[in-house]
Amino acid sequence: MTLGQIIEVVAVAMDIHAGKKEGELYQKLDEARGERMSQFIAIAQALETQI
């Protein structure tokens, strides 16, 4: 293998790793959005019963 090929393999591996991390981040953001939405709904329902 030449140095260029080794660099290409490392670059591909880094891209795959970055893509996986990005996917995990998006999943965490979706979970956080869901939690906030649930909290908002609970607060809205509580306020609705008070009115």
N, C-alpha and C. Protein backbone atom coordinates (compact mmCIF):
# COMPACT_ATOMS: atom_id res chain seq x y z
N MET A 1 0.85 -1.19 0.00
CA MET A 1 0.00 0.00 0.00
C MET A 1 0.88 1.23 0.00
N THR A 2 0.45 2.18 -0.76
CA THR A 2 1.18 3.44 -0.78
C THR A 2 0.65 4.34 0.32
N LEU A 3 1.37 5.39 0.58
CA LEU A 3 0.95 6.35 1.61
C LEU A 3 -0.40 6.96 1.25
N GLY A 4 -0.62 7.24 -0.02
CA GLY A 4 -1.90 7.80 -0.46
C GLY A 4 -3.06 6.87 -0.18
N GLN A 5 -2.87 5.59 -0.41
CA GLN A 5 -3.93 4.61 -0.16
C GLN A 5 -4.22 4.50 1.33
N ILE A 6 -3.17 4.54 2.12
CA ILE A 6 -3.35 4.47 3.57
C ILE A 6 -4.14 5.68 4.06
N ILE A 7 -3.81 6.85 3.53
CA ILE A 7 -4.52 8.07 3.92
C ILE A 7 -5.98 7.98 3.50
N GLU A 8 -6.25 7.43 2.32
CA GLU A 8 -7.63 7.27 1.86
C GLU A 8 -8.42 6.35 2.79
N VAL A 9 -7.81 5.24 3.19
CA VAL A 9 -8.48 4.30 4.10
C VAL A 9 -8.78 4.97 5.44
N VAL A 10 -7.81 5.71 5.95
CA VAL A 10 -8.00 6.41 7.23
C VAL A 10 -9.10 7.46 7.08
N ALA A 11 -9.11 8.17 5.96
CA ALA A 11 -10.13 9.20 5.75
C ALA A 11 -11.53 8.58 5.69
N VAL A 12 -11.66 7.44 5.03
CA VAL A 12 -12.96 6.76 4.96
C VAL A 12 -13.39 6.31 6.36
N ALA A 13 -12.45 5.76 7.11
CA ALA A 13 -12.77 5.31 8.47
C ALA A 13 -13.21 6.50 9.33
N MET A 14 -12.54 7.63 9.18
CA MET A 14 -12.91 8.82 9.94
C MET A 14 -14.29 9.32 9.53
N ASP A 15 -14.62 9.27 8.25
CA ASP A 15 -15.94 9.68 7.78
C ASP A 15 -17.03 8.77 8.35
N ILE A 16 -16.77 7.48 8.36
CA ILE A 16 -17.75 6.53 8.92
C ILE A 16 -17.97 6.81 10.40
N HIS A 17 -16.88 7.04 11.11
CA HIS A 17 -16.97 7.32 12.54
C HIS A 17 -17.74 8.63 12.78
N ALA A 18 -17.44 9.66 11.99
CA ALA A 18 -18.13 10.94 12.13
C ALA A 18 -19.62 10.79 11.82
N GLY A 19 -19.94 10.00 10.82
CA GLY A 19 -21.34 9.77 10.48
C GLY A 19 -22.08 9.07 11.60
N LYS A 20 -21.43 8.11 12.24
CA LYS A 20 -22.05 7.40 13.36
C LYS A 20 -22.29 8.36 14.52
N LYS A 21 -21.30 9.19 14.82
CA LYS A 21 -21.45 10.15 15.92
C LYS A 21 -22.56 11.15 15.61
N GLU A 22 -22.65 11.57 14.34
CA GLU A 22 -23.70 12.51 13.95
C GLU A 22 -25.07 11.87 14.11
N GLY A 23 -25.19 10.61 13.74
CA GLY A 23 -26.46 9.90 13.91
C GLY A 23 -26.85 9.80 15.37
N GLU A 24 -25.88 9.53 16.23
CA GLU A 24 -26.15 9.46 17.67
C GLU A 24 -26.60 10.81 18.20
N LEU A 25 -25.96 11.87 17.70
CA LEU A 25 -26.33 13.22 18.14
C LEU A 25 -27.76 13.54 17.73
N TYR A 26 -28.13 13.22 16.49
CA TYR A 26 -29.49 13.46 16.04
C TYR A 26 -30.50 12.67 16.86
N GLN A 27 -30.14 11.45 17.23
CA GLN A 27 -31.04 10.64 18.06
C GLN A 27 -31.23 11.29 19.43
N LYS A 28 -30.16 11.80 20.02
CA LYS A 28 -30.26 12.46 21.32
C LYS A 28 -31.11 13.73 21.21
N LEU A 29 -30.94 14.47 20.12
CA LEU A 29 -31.74 15.68 19.92
C LEU A 29 -33.21 15.34 19.78
N ASP A 30 -33.52 14.28 19.05
CA ASP A 30 -34.91 13.85 18.90
C ASP A 30 -35.50 13.44 20.24
N GLU A 31 -34.72 12.74 21.05
CA GLU A 31 -35.19 12.34 22.37
C GLU A 31 -35.46 13.56 23.24
N ALA A 32 -34.57 14.54 23.17
CA ALA A 32 -34.74 15.76 23.97
C ALA A 32 -35.99 16.52 23.52
N ARG A 33 -36.21 16.58 22.21
CA ARG A 33 -37.42 17.25 21.70
C ARG A 33 -38.67 16.54 22.21
N GLY A 34 -38.64 15.22 22.18
CA GLY A 34 -39.78 14.45 22.66
C GLY A 34 -40.05 14.70 24.13
N GLU A 35 -38.99 14.77 24.92
CA GLU A 35 -39.16 15.03 26.35
C GLU A 35 -39.74 16.41 26.59
N ARG A 36 -39.24 17.39 25.86
CA ARG A 36 -39.77 18.76 26.01
C ARG A 36 -41.22 18.82 25.60
N MET A 37 -41.57 18.13 24.53
CA MET A 37 -42.95 18.13 24.07
C MET A 37 -43.85 17.48 25.12
N SER A 38 -43.39 16.39 25.71
CA SER A 38 -44.16 15.73 26.76
C SER A 38 -44.36 16.65 27.96
N GLN A 39 -43.31 17.36 28.34
CA GLN A 39 -43.41 18.30 29.46
C GLN A 39 -44.37 19.43 29.13
N PHE A 40 -44.29 19.93 27.90
CA PHE A 40 -45.17 21.01 27.48
C PHE A 40 -46.63 20.56 27.53
N ILE A 41 -46.89 19.36 27.04
CA ILE A 41 -48.25 18.83 27.04
C ILE A 41 -48.75 18.66 28.47
N ALA A 42 -47.90 18.15 29.36
CA ALA A 42 -48.29 17.97 30.76
C ALA A 42 -48.62 19.31 31.41
N ILE A 43 -47.82 20.33 31.13
CA ILE A 43 -48.07 21.66 31.69
C ILE A 43 -49.36 22.24 31.12
N ALA A 44 -49.56 22.06 29.82
CA ALA A 44 -50.78 22.57 29.18
C ALA A 44 -52.02 21.89 29.75
N GLN A 45 -51.94 20.60 29.97
CA GLN A 45 -53.08 19.88 30.54
C GLN A 45 -53.34 20.33 31.97
N ALA A 46 -52.29 20.56 32.73
CA ALA A 46 -52.45 21.03 34.10
C ALA A 46 -53.10 22.42 34.12
N LEU A 47 -52.66 23.27 33.22
CA LEU A 47 -53.26 24.61 33.14
C LEU A 47 -54.71 24.54 32.70
N GLU A 48 -54.99 23.62 31.79
CA GLU A 48 -56.36 23.49 31.30
C GLU A 48 -57.32 23.08 32.42
N THR A 49 -56.86 22.24 33.31
CA THR A 49 -57.73 21.81 34.40
C THR A 49 -57.93 22.93 35.42
N GLN A 50 -56.99 23.87 35.47
CA GLN A 50 -57.11 24.98 36.41
C GLN A 50 -58.03 26.08 35.90
N ILE A 51 -58.26 26.09 34.61
CA ILE A 51 -59.08 27.18 34.02
C ILE A 51 -60.54 26.86 34.12
